[in-house]
Amino acid sequence: IVTARLTEACPINPWQKGFTRAAGYTENLKLLQLLLKNAKREHKEIAVVFMDIAKAFHSVSHQHIVMALRERQVDECVIRLMQNLYDTTYTCIN
């Protein structure tokens, strides 16, 4: 339910493959191969950028996430649930 409500309020770009049920990296790799082949065949330059955003969730403040959800008019119950997930999360190593 939460995922459905968040997806409705904050749609994911169709090019995003991480954290989705999509086929993922294989589609993007095939697209990259096609672009490189075309550039080589047509003797054109091409620029490729790889971004590592593995720590993206650690670098965005929780307050900013809550503000963004409110701006998108996400139901307040869902926002409180998200806040509780952030506020009550901890790690215990035995």
PDB file of N, CA and C in Angstrom:
ATOM      1  N   ILE A   1       0.834  -1.190   0.000  1.00  0.00           N
ATOM      2  CA  ILE A   1       0.000   0.000   0.000  1.00  0.00           C
ATOM      3  C   ILE A   1       0.872   1.244   0.000  1.00  0.00           C
ATOM      4  N   VAL A   2       1.885   1.237   0.857  1.00  0.00           N
ATOM      5  CA  VAL A   2       2.781   2.398   0.945  1.00  0.00           C
ATOM      6  C   VAL A   2       3.488   2.607  -0.387  1.00  0.00           C
ATOM      7  N   THR A   3       3.996   1.523  -0.969  1.00  0.00           N
ATOM      8  CA  THR A   3       4.688   1.634  -2.253  1.00  0.00           C
ATOM      9  C   THR A   3       3.764   2.198  -3.320  1.00  0.00           C
ATOM     10  N   ALA A   4       2.540   1.717  -3.369  1.00  0.00           N
ATOM     11  CA  ALA A   4       1.585   2.201  -4.369  1.00  0.00           C
ATOM     12  C   ALA A   4       1.314   3.683  -4.188  1.00  0.00           C
ATOM     13  N   ARG A   5       1.134   4.114  -2.957  1.00  0.00           N
ATOM     14  CA  ARG A   5       0.856   5.537  -2.704  1.00  0.00           C
ATOM     15  C   ARG A   5       2.051   6.418  -3.019  1.00  0.00           C
ATOM     16  N   LEU A   6       3.255   5.959  -2.668  1.00  0.00           N
ATOM     17  CA  LEU A   6       4.451   6.744  -2.966  1.00  0.00           C
ATOM     18  C   LEU A   6       4.711   6.791  -4.469  1.00  0.00           C
ATOM     19  N   THR A   7       4.488   5.680  -5.162  1.00  0.00           N
ATOM     20  CA  THR A   7       4.702   5.642  -6.603  1.00  0.00           C
ATOM     21  C   THR A   7       3.740   6.573  -7.318  1.00  0.00           C
ATOM     22  N   GLU A   8       2.519   6.638  -6.821  1.00  0.00           N
ATOM     23  CA  GLU A   8       1.535   7.543  -7.417  1.00  0.00           C
ATOM     24  C   GLU A   8       1.935   9.001  -7.210  1.00  0.00           C
ATOM     25  N   ALA A   9       2.404   9.332  -6.015  1.00  0.00           N
ATOM     26  CA  ALA A   9       2.769  10.716  -5.694  1.00  0.00           C
ATOM     27  C   ALA A   9       4.126  11.103  -6.269  1.00  0.00           C
ATOM     28  N   CYS A  10       5.052  10.147  -6.357  1.00  0.00           N
ATOM     29  CA  CYS A  10       6.418  10.409  -6.809  1.00  0.00           C
ATOM     30  C   CYS A  10       6.788   9.396  -7.888  1.00  0.00           C
ATOM     31  N   PRO A  11       6.298   9.585  -9.118  1.00  0.00           N
ATOM     32  CA  PRO A  11       6.577   8.606 -10.170  1.00  0.00           C
ATOM     33  C   PRO A  11       8.076   8.460 -10.433  1.00  0.00           C
ATOM     34  N   ILE A  12       8.483   7.236 -10.747  1.00  0.00           N
ATOM     35  CA  ILE A  12       9.885   6.936 -11.027  1.00  0.00           C
ATOM     36  C   ILE A  12      10.129   7.092 -12.520  1.00  0.00           C
ATOM     37  N   ASN A  13      11.236   7.734 -12.855  1.00  0.00           N
ATOM     38  CA  ASN A  13      11.615   7.891 -14.258  1.00  0.00           C
ATOM     39  C   ASN A  13      11.785   6.519 -14.884  1.00  0.00           C
ATOM     40  N   PRO A  14      11.224   6.294 -16.084  1.00  0.00           N
ATOM     41  CA  PRO A  14      11.322   4.970 -16.704  1.00  0.00           C
ATOM     42  C   PRO A  14      12.753   4.521 -16.984  1.00  0.00           C
ATOM     43  N   TRP A  15      13.711   5.436 -17.027  1.00  0.00           N
ATOM     44  CA  TRP A  15      15.113   5.052 -17.259  1.00  0.00           C
ATOM     45  C   TRP A  15      15.772   4.529 -15.996  1.00  0.00           C
ATOM     46  N   GLN A  16      15.174   4.792 -14.833  1.00  0.00           N
ATOM     47  CA  GLN A  16      15.769   4.317 -13.582  1.00  0.00           C
ATOM     48  C   GLN A  16      15.581   2.818 -13.481  1.00  0.00           C
ATOM     49  N   LYS A  17      16.643   2.108 -13.207  1.00  0.00           N
ATOM     50  CA  LYS A  17      16.571   0.654 -13.107  1.00  0.00           C
ATOM     51  C   LYS A  17      16.830   0.165 -11.693  1.00  0.00           C
ATOM     52  N   GLY A  18      17.553   0.940 -10.893  1.00  0.00           N
ATOM     53  CA  GLY A  18      17.812   0.533  -9.520  1.00  0.00           C
ATOM     54  C   GLY A  18      16.566   0.648  -8.670  1.00  0.00           C
ATOM     55  N   PHE A  19      16.421  -0.244  -7.717  1.00  0.00           N
ATOM     56  CA  PHE A  19      15.318  -0.242  -6.764  1.00  0.00           C
ATOM     57  C   PHE A  19      13.957  -0.387  -7.433  1.00  0.00           C
ATOM     58  N   THR A  20      13.910  -1.059  -8.573  1.00  0.00           N
ATOM     59  CA  THR A  20      12.643  -1.313  -9.258  1.00  0.00           C
ATOM     60  C   THR A  20      12.577  -2.787  -9.621  1.00  0.00           C
ATOM     61  N   ARG A  21      11.393  -3.225 -10.067  1.00  0.00           N
ATOM     62  CA  ARG A  21      11.236  -4.615 -10.485  1.00  0.00           C
ATOM     63  C   ARG A  21      11.557  -4.786 -11.966  1.00  0.00           C
ATOM     64  N   ALA A  22      12.069  -3.757 -12.596  1.00  0.00           N
ATOM     65  CA  ALA A  22      12.381  -3.795 -14.026  1.00  0.00           C
ATOM     66  C   ALA A  22      13.526  -4.762 -14.299  1.00  0.00           C
ATOM     67  N   ALA A  23      13.701  -5.077 -15.585  1.00  0.00           N
ATOM     68  CA  ALA A  23      14.769  -5.991 -16.003  1.00  0.00           C
ATOM     69  C   ALA A  23      16.124  -5.514 -15.501  1.00  0.00           C
ATOM     70  N   GLY A  24      16.283  -4.217 -15.371  1.00  0.00           N
ATOM     71  CA  GLY A  24      17.481  -3.677 -14.753  1.00  0.00           C
ATOM     72  C   GLY A  24      18.623  -3.406 -15.702  1.00  0.00           C
ATOM     73  N   TYR A  25      19.790  -3.769 -15.240  1.00  0.00           N
ATOM     74  CA  TYR A  25      21.025  -3.364 -15.916  1.00  0.00           C
ATOM     75  C   TYR A  25      21.164  -3.926 -17.321  1.00  0.00           C
ATOM     76  N   THR A  26      20.588  -5.089 -17.628  1.00  0.00           N
ATOM     77  CA  THR A  26      20.792  -5.683 -18.957  1.00  0.00           C
ATOM     78  C   THR A  26      20.248  -4.783 -20.057  1.00  0.00           C
ATOM     79  N   GLU A  27      19.102  -4.191 -19.821  1.00  0.00           N
ATOM     80  CA  GLU A  27      18.529  -3.281 -20.824  1.00  0.00           C
ATOM     81  C   GLU A  27      19.440  -2.081 -21.040  1.00  0.00           C
ATOM     82  N   ASN A  28      19.956  -1.520 -19.952  1.00  0.00           N
ATOM     83  CA  ASN A  28      20.855  -0.369 -20.073  1.00  0.00           C
ATOM     84  C   ASN A  28      22.173  -0.748 -20.736  1.00  0.00           C
ATOM     85  N   LEU A  29      22.691  -1.952 -20.457  1.00  0.00           N
ATOM     86  CA  LEU A  29      23.932  -2.389 -21.105  1.00  0.00           C
ATOM     87  C   LEU A  29      23.734  -2.568 -22.608  1.00  0.00           C
ATOM     88  N   LYS A  30      22.610  -3.124 -22.989  1.00  0.00           N
ATOM     89  CA  LYS A  30      22.336  -3.297 -24.423  1.00  0.00           C
ATOM     90  C   LYS A  30      22.208  -1.939 -25.111  1.00  0.00           C
ATOM     91  N   LEU A  31      21.566  -0.991 -24.446  1.00  0.00           N
ATOM     92  CA  LEU A  31      21.447   0.355 -24.993  1.00  0.00           C
ATOM     93  C   LEU A  31      22.823   0.992 -25.145  1.00  0.00           C
ATOM     94  N   LEU A  32      23.672   0.841 -24.138  1.00  0.00           N
ATOM     95  CA  LEU A  32      25.029   1.384 -24.203  1.00  0.00           C
ATOM     96  C   LEU A  32      25.818   0.757 -25.352  1.00  0.00           C
ATOM     97  N   GLN A  33      25.717  -0.561 -25.508  1.00  0.00           N
ATOM     98  CA  GLN A  33      26.408  -1.238 -26.612  1.00  0.00           C
ATOM     99  C   GLN A  33      25.933  -0.699 -27.957  1.00  0.00           C
ATOM    100  N   LEU A  34      24.635  -0.503 -28.102  1.00  0.00           N
ATOM    101  CA  LEU A  34      24.084   0.022 -29.347  1.00  0.00           C
ATOM    102  C   LEU A  34      24.607   1.432 -29.635  1.00  0.00           C
ATOM    103  N   LEU A  35      24.636   2.270 -28.621  1.00  0.00           N
ATOM    104  CA  LEU A  35      25.134   3.634 -28.791  1.00  0.00           C
ATOM    105  C   LEU A  35      26.610   3.636 -29.192  1.00  0.00           C
ATOM    106  N   LEU A  36      27.405   2.786 -28.532  1.00  0.00           N
ATOM    107  CA  LEU A  36      28.829   2.721 -28.855  1.00  0.00           C
ATOM    108  C   LEU A  36      29.065   2.201 -30.273  1.00  0.00           C
ATOM    109  N   LYS A  37      28.311   1.182 -30.671  1.00  0.00           N
ATOM    110  CA  LYS A  37      28.444   0.646 -32.035  1.00  0.00           C
ATOM    111  C   LYS A  37      28.095   1.701 -33.078  1.00  0.00           C
ATOM    112  N   ASN A  38      26.994   2.417 -32.843  1.00  0.00           N
ATOM    113  CA  ASN A  38      26.579   3.458 -33.792  1.00  0.00           C
ATOM    114  C   ASN A  38      27.613   4.571 -33.888  1.00  0.00           C
ATOM    115  N   ALA A  39      28.149   4.997 -32.745  1.00  0.00           N
ATOM    116  CA  ALA A  39      29.166   6.054 -32.748  1.00  0.00           C
ATOM    117  C   ALA A  39      30.414   5.594 -33.498  1.00  0.00           C
ATOM    118  N   LYS A  40      30.806   4.345 -33.289  1.00  0.00           N
ATOM    119  CA  LYS A  40      31.991   3.820 -33.973  1.00  0.00           C
ATOM    120  C   LYS A  40      31.742   3.707 -35.481  1.00  0.00           C
ATOM    121  N   ARG A  41      30.582   3.187 -35.840  1.00  0.00           N
ATOM    122  CA  ARG A  41      30.265   3.001 -37.257  1.00  0.00           C
ATOM    123  C   ARG A  41      30.189   4.342 -37.998  1.00  0.00           C
ATOM    124  N   GLU A  42      29.653   5.365 -37.320  1.00  0.00           N
ATOM    125  CA  GLU A  42      29.493   6.674 -37.951  1.00  0.00           C
ATOM    126  C   GLU A  42      30.672   7.602 -37.673  1.00  0.00           C
ATOM    127  N   HIS A  43      31.718   7.081 -37.033  1.00  0.00           N
ATOM    128  CA  HIS A  43      32.928   7.852 -36.707  1.00  0.00           C
ATOM    129  C   HIS A  43      32.576   9.136 -35.946  1.00  0.00           C
ATOM    130  N   LYS A  44      31.708   8.991 -34.952  1.00  0.00           N
ATOM    131  CA  LYS A  44      31.311  10.127 -34.116  1.00  0.00           C
ATOM    132  C   LYS A  44      31.836   9.923 -32.704  1.00  0.00           C
ATOM    133  N   GLU A  45      32.105  11.054 -32.049  1.00  0.00           N
ATOM    134  CA  GLU A  45      32.530  10.987 -30.656  1.00  0.00           C
ATOM    135  C   GLU A  45      31.317  10.712 -29.777  1.00  0.00           C
ATOM    136  N   ILE A  46      31.575  10.073 -28.659  1.00  0.00           N
ATOM    137  CA  ILE A  46      30.505   9.807 -27.703  1.00  0.00           C
ATOM    138  C   ILE A  46      31.084   9.953 -26.297  1.00  0.00           C
ATOM    139  N   ALA A  47      30.293  10.469 -25.405  1.00  0.00           N
ATOM    140  CA  ALA A  47      30.703  10.613 -24.010  1.00  0.00           C
ATOM    141  C   ALA A  47      29.781   9.751 -23.150  1.00  0.00           C
ATOM    142  N   VAL A  48      30.361   9.036 -22.204  1.00  0.00           N
ATOM    143  CA  VAL A  48      29.604   8.158 -21.319  1.00  0.00           C
ATOM    144  C   VAL A  48      29.946   8.531 -19.886  1.00  0.00           C
ATOM    145  N   VAL A  49      28.938   8.631 -19.050  1.00  0.00           N
ATOM    146  CA  VAL A  49      29.140   8.967 -17.645  1.00  0.00           C
ATOM    147  C   VAL A  49      28.509   7.875 -16.791  1.00  0.00           C
ATOM    148  N   PHE A  50      29.264   7.379 -15.826  1.00  0.00           N
ATOM    149  CA  PHE A  50      28.738   6.419 -14.859  1.00  0.00           C
ATOM    150  C   PHE A  50      28.681   7.113 -13.507  1.00  0.00           C
ATOM    151  N   MET A  51      27.551   7.020 -12.859  1.00  0.00           N
ATOM    152  CA  MET A  51      27.397   7.662 -11.551  1.00  0.00           C
ATOM    153  C   MET A  51      27.156   6.595 -10.492  1.00  0.00           C
ATOM    154  N   ASP A  52      27.885   6.686  -9.417  1.00  0.00           N
ATOM    155  CA  ASP A  52      27.697   5.771  -8.293  1.00  0.00           C
ATOM    156  C   ASP A  52      26.954   6.529  -7.207  1.00  0.00           C
ATOM    157  N   ILE A  53      25.698   6.186  -7.029  1.00  0.00           N
ATOM    158  CA  ILE A  53      24.903   6.875  -6.005  1.00  0.00           C
ATOM    159  C   ILE A  53      24.505   5.901  -4.900  1.00  0.00           C
ATOM    160  N   ALA A  54      25.415   4.988  -4.609  1.00  0.00           N
ATOM    161  CA  ALA A  54      25.141   3.950  -3.613  1.00  0.00           C
ATOM    162  C   ALA A  54      24.785   4.539  -2.255  1.00  0.00           C
ATOM    163  N   LYS A  55      25.342   5.668  -1.908  1.00  0.00           N
ATOM    164  CA  LYS A  55      25.076   6.267  -0.600  1.00  0.00           C
ATOM    165  C   LYS A  55      24.085   7.426  -0.688  1.00  0.00           C
ATOM    166  N   ALA A  56      23.265   7.444  -1.713  1.00  0.00           N
ATOM    167  CA  ALA A  56      22.336   8.564  -1.909  1.00  0.00           C
ATOM    168  C   ALA A  56      21.407   8.740  -0.722  1.00  0.00           C
ATOM    169  N   PHE A  57      20.920   7.656  -0.157  1.00  0.00           N
ATOM    170  CA  PHE A  57      19.982   7.782   0.955  1.00  0.00           C
ATOM    171  C   PHE A  57      20.655   8.329   2.203  1.00  0.00           C
ATOM    172  N   HIS A  58      21.965   8.128   2.314  1.00  0.00           N
ATOM    173  CA  HIS A  58      22.684   8.647   3.478  1.00  0.00           C
ATOM    174  C   HIS A  58      22.983  10.137   3.336  1.00  0.00           C
ATOM    175  N   SER A  59      22.938  10.655   2.114  1.00  0.00           N
ATOM    176  CA  SER A  59      23.320  12.047   1.908  1.00  0.00           C
ATOM    177  C   SER A  59      22.128  12.996   1.830  1.00  0.00           C
ATOM    178  N   VAL A  60      20.916  12.461   1.780  1.00  0.00           N
ATOM    179  CA  VAL A  60      19.719  13.308   1.743  1.00  0.00           C
ATOM    180  C   VAL A  60      19.127  13.336   3.144  1.00  0.00           C
ATOM    181  N   SER A  61      18.908  14.543   3.661  1.00  0.00           N
ATOM    182  CA  SER A  61      18.376  14.636   5.021  1.00  0.00           C
ATOM    183  C   SER A  61      16.950  14.118   5.071  1.00  0.00           C
ATOM    184  N   HIS A  62      16.622  13.508   6.182  1.00  0.00           N
ATOM    185  CA  HIS A  62      15.274  12.966   6.350  1.00  0.00           C
ATOM    186  C   HIS A  62      14.232  14.080   6.329  1.00  0.00           C
ATOM    187  N   GLN A  63      14.588  15.247   6.849  1.00  0.00           N
ATOM    188  CA  GLN A  63      13.665  16.390   6.818  1.00  0.00           C
ATOM    189  C   GLN A  63      13.343  16.790   5.384  1.00  0.00           C
ATOM    190  N   HIS A  64      14.345  16.744   4.519  1.00  0.00           N
ATOM    191  CA  HIS A  64      14.134  17.101   3.122  1.00  0.00           C
ATOM    192  C   HIS A  64      13.187  16.110   2.448  1.00  0.00           C
ATOM    193  N   ILE A  65      13.344  14.842   2.763  1.00  0.00           N
ATOM    194  CA  ILE A  65      12.459  13.818   2.200  1.00  0.00           C
ATOM    195  C   ILE A  65      11.029  14.070   2.638  1.00  0.00           C
ATOM    196  N   VAL A  66      10.832  14.365   3.918  1.00  0.00           N
ATOM    197  CA  VAL A  66       9.487  14.637   4.438  1.00  0.00           C
ATOM    198  C   VAL A  66       8.902  15.884   3.772  1.00  0.00           C
ATOM    199  N   MET A  67       9.711  16.926   3.614  1.00  0.00           N
ATOM    200  CA  MET A  67       9.237  18.139   2.936  1.00  0.00           C
ATOM    201  C   MET A  67       8.799  17.834   1.509  1.00  0.00           C
ATOM    202  N   ALA A  68       9.584  17.028   0.801  1.00  0.00           N
ATOM    203  CA  ALA A  68       9.257  16.680  -0.580  1.00  0.00           C
ATOM    204  C   ALA A  68       7.965  15.882  -0.645  1.00  0.00           C
ATOM    205  N   LEU A  69       7.774  14.978   0.299  1.00  0.00           N
ATOM    206  CA  LEU A  69       6.528  14.201   0.324  1.00  0.00           C
ATOM    207  C   LEU A  69       5.328  15.108   0.583  1.00  0.00           C
ATOM    208  N   ARG A  70       5.487  16.070   1.467  1.00  0.00           N
ATOM    209  CA  ARG A  70       4.383  17.004   1.739  1.00  0.00           C
ATOM    210  C   ARG A  70       4.085  17.876   0.518  1.00  0.00           C
ATOM    211  N   GLU A  71       5.139  18.326  -0.175  1.00  0.00           N
ATOM    212  CA  GLU A  71       4.941  19.122  -1.390  1.00  0.00           C
ATOM    213  C   GLU A  71       4.164  18.339  -2.438  1.00  0.00           C
ATOM    214  N   ARG A  72       4.377  17.036  -2.471  1.00  0.00           N
ATOM    215  CA  ARG A  72       3.685  16.183  -3.450  1.00  0.00           C
ATOM    216  C   ARG A  72       2.336  15.706  -2.921  1.00  0.00           C
ATOM    217  N   GLN A  73       1.953  16.229  -1.772  1.00  0.00           N
ATOM    218  CA  GLN A  73       0.653  15.957  -1.164  1.00  0.00           C
ATOM    219  C   GLN A  73       0.419  14.476  -0.879  1.00  0.00           C
ATOM    220  N   VAL A  74       1.486  13.822  -0.397  1.00  0.00           N
ATOM    221  CA  VAL A  74       1.359  12.437   0.037  1.00  0.00           C
ATOM    222  C   VAL A  74       0.554  12.437   1.331  1.00  0.00           C
ATOM    223  N   ASP A  75      -0.283  11.431   1.489  1.00  0.00           N
ATOM    224  CA  ASP A  75      -1.129  11.307   2.676  1.00  0.00           C
ATOM    225  C   ASP A  75      -0.283  11.403   3.942  1.00  0.00           C
ATOM    226  N   GLU A  76      -0.749  12.153   4.906  1.00  0.00           N
ATOM    227  CA  GLU A  76       0.005  12.396   6.141  1.00  0.00           C
ATOM    228  C   GLU A  76       0.295  11.098   6.899  1.00  0.00           C
ATOM    229  N   CYS A  77      -0.585  10.109   6.806  1.00  0.00           N
ATOM    230  CA  CYS A  77      -0.336   8.812   7.461  1.00  0.00           C
ATOM    231  C   CYS A  77       0.899   8.143   6.866  1.00  0.00           C
ATOM    232  N   VAL A  78       1.051   8.233   5.565  1.00  0.00           N
ATOM    233  CA  VAL A  78       2.214   7.647   4.897  1.00  0.00           C
ATOM    234  C   VAL A  78       3.474   8.409   5.292  1.00  0.00           C
ATOM    235  N   ILE A  79       3.370   9.726   5.370  1.00  0.00           N
ATOM    236  CA  ILE A  79       4.527  10.541   5.772  1.00  0.00           C
ATOM    237  C   ILE A  79       4.952  10.178   7.187  1.00  0.00           C
ATOM    238  N   ARG A  80       4.003  10.041   8.102  1.00  0.00           N
ATOM    239  CA  ARG A  80       4.347   9.662   9.473  1.00  0.00           C
ATOM    240  C   ARG A  80       4.979   8.272   9.521  1.00  0.00           C
ATOM    241  N   LEU A  81       4.483   7.372   8.693  1.00  0.00           N
ATOM    242  CA  LEU A  81       5.070   6.033   8.623  1.00  0.00           C
ATOM    243  C   LEU A  81       6.525   6.120   8.173  1.00  0.00           C
ATOM    244  N   MET A  82       6.791   6.923   7.148  1.00  0.00           N
ATOM    245  CA  MET A  82       8.159   7.093   6.669  1.00  0.00           C
ATOM    246  C   MET A  82       9.041   7.700   7.763  1.00  0.00           C
ATOM    247  N   GLN A  83       8.518   8.697   8.474  1.00  0.00           N
ATOM    248  CA  GLN A  83       9.289   9.315   9.556  1.00  0.00           C
ATOM    249  C   GLN A  83       9.613   8.279  10.631  1.00  0.00           C
ATOM    250  N   ASN A  84       8.651   7.440  10.958  1.00  0.00           N
ATOM    251  CA  ASN A  84       8.886   6.407  11.971  1.00  0.00           C
ATOM    252  C   ASN A  84       9.933   5.409  11.502  1.00  0.00           C
ATOM    253  N   LEU A  85       9.923   5.087  10.215  1.00  0.00           N
ATOM    254  CA  LEU A  85      10.931   4.168   9.687  1.00  0.00           C
ATOM    255  C   LEU A  85      12.330   4.750   9.854  1.00  0.00           C
ATOM    256  N   TYR A  86      12.463   6.052   9.615  1.00  0.00           N
ATOM    257  CA  TYR A  86      13.765   6.702   9.753  1.00  0.00           C
ATOM    258  C   TYR A  86      14.143   6.881  11.217  1.00  0.00           C
ATOM    259  N   ASP A  87      13.187   7.281  12.036  1.00  0.00           N
ATOM    260  CA  ASP A  87      13.486   7.604  13.434  1.00  0.00           C
ATOM    261  C   ASP A  87      13.777   6.374  14.286  1.00  0.00           C
ATOM    262  N   THR A  88      13.192   5.244  13.947  1.00  0.00           N
ATOM    263  CA  THR A  88      13.323   4.063  14.809  1.00  0.00           C
ATOM    264  C   THR A  88      14.269   3.010  14.249  1.00  0.00           C
ATOM    265  N   THR A  89      15.028   3.362  13.230  1.00  0.00           N
ATOM    266  CA  THR A  89      15.950   2.403  12.624  1.00  0.00           C
ATOM    267  C   THR A  89      17.297   2.453  13.347  1.00  0.00           C
ATOM    268  N   TYR A  90      17.788   1.283  13.698  1.00  0.00           N
ATOM    269  CA  TYR A  90      19.105   1.210  14.321  1.00  0.00           C
ATOM    270  C   TYR A  90      19.721  -0.140  14.001  1.00  0.00           C
ATOM    271  N   THR A  91      21.004  -0.242  14.222  1.00  0.00           N
ATOM    272  CA  THR A  91      21.722  -1.490  13.980  1.00  0.00           C
ATOM    273  C   THR A  91      22.344  -1.947  15.278  1.00  0.00           C
ATOM    274  N   CYS A  92      22.232  -3.252  15.549  1.00  0.00           N
ATOM    275  CA  CYS A  92      22.819  -3.817  16.746  1.00  0.00           C
ATOM    276  C   CYS A  92      23.717  -4.979  16.318  1.00  0.00           C
ATOM    277  N   ILE A  93      24.977  -4.905  16.654  1.00  0.00           N
ATOM    278  CA  ILE A  93      25.931  -5.954  16.302  1.00  0.00           C
ATOM    279  C   ILE A  93      26.309  -6.702  17.571  1.00  0.00           C
ATOM    280  N   ASN A  94      26.040  -7.995  17.579  1.00  0.00           N
ATOM    281  CA  ASN A  94      26.378  -8.826  18.757  1.00  0.00           C
ATOM    282  C   ASN A  94      27.699  -9.527  18.523  1.00  0.00           C
TER     283      ASN A  94
END
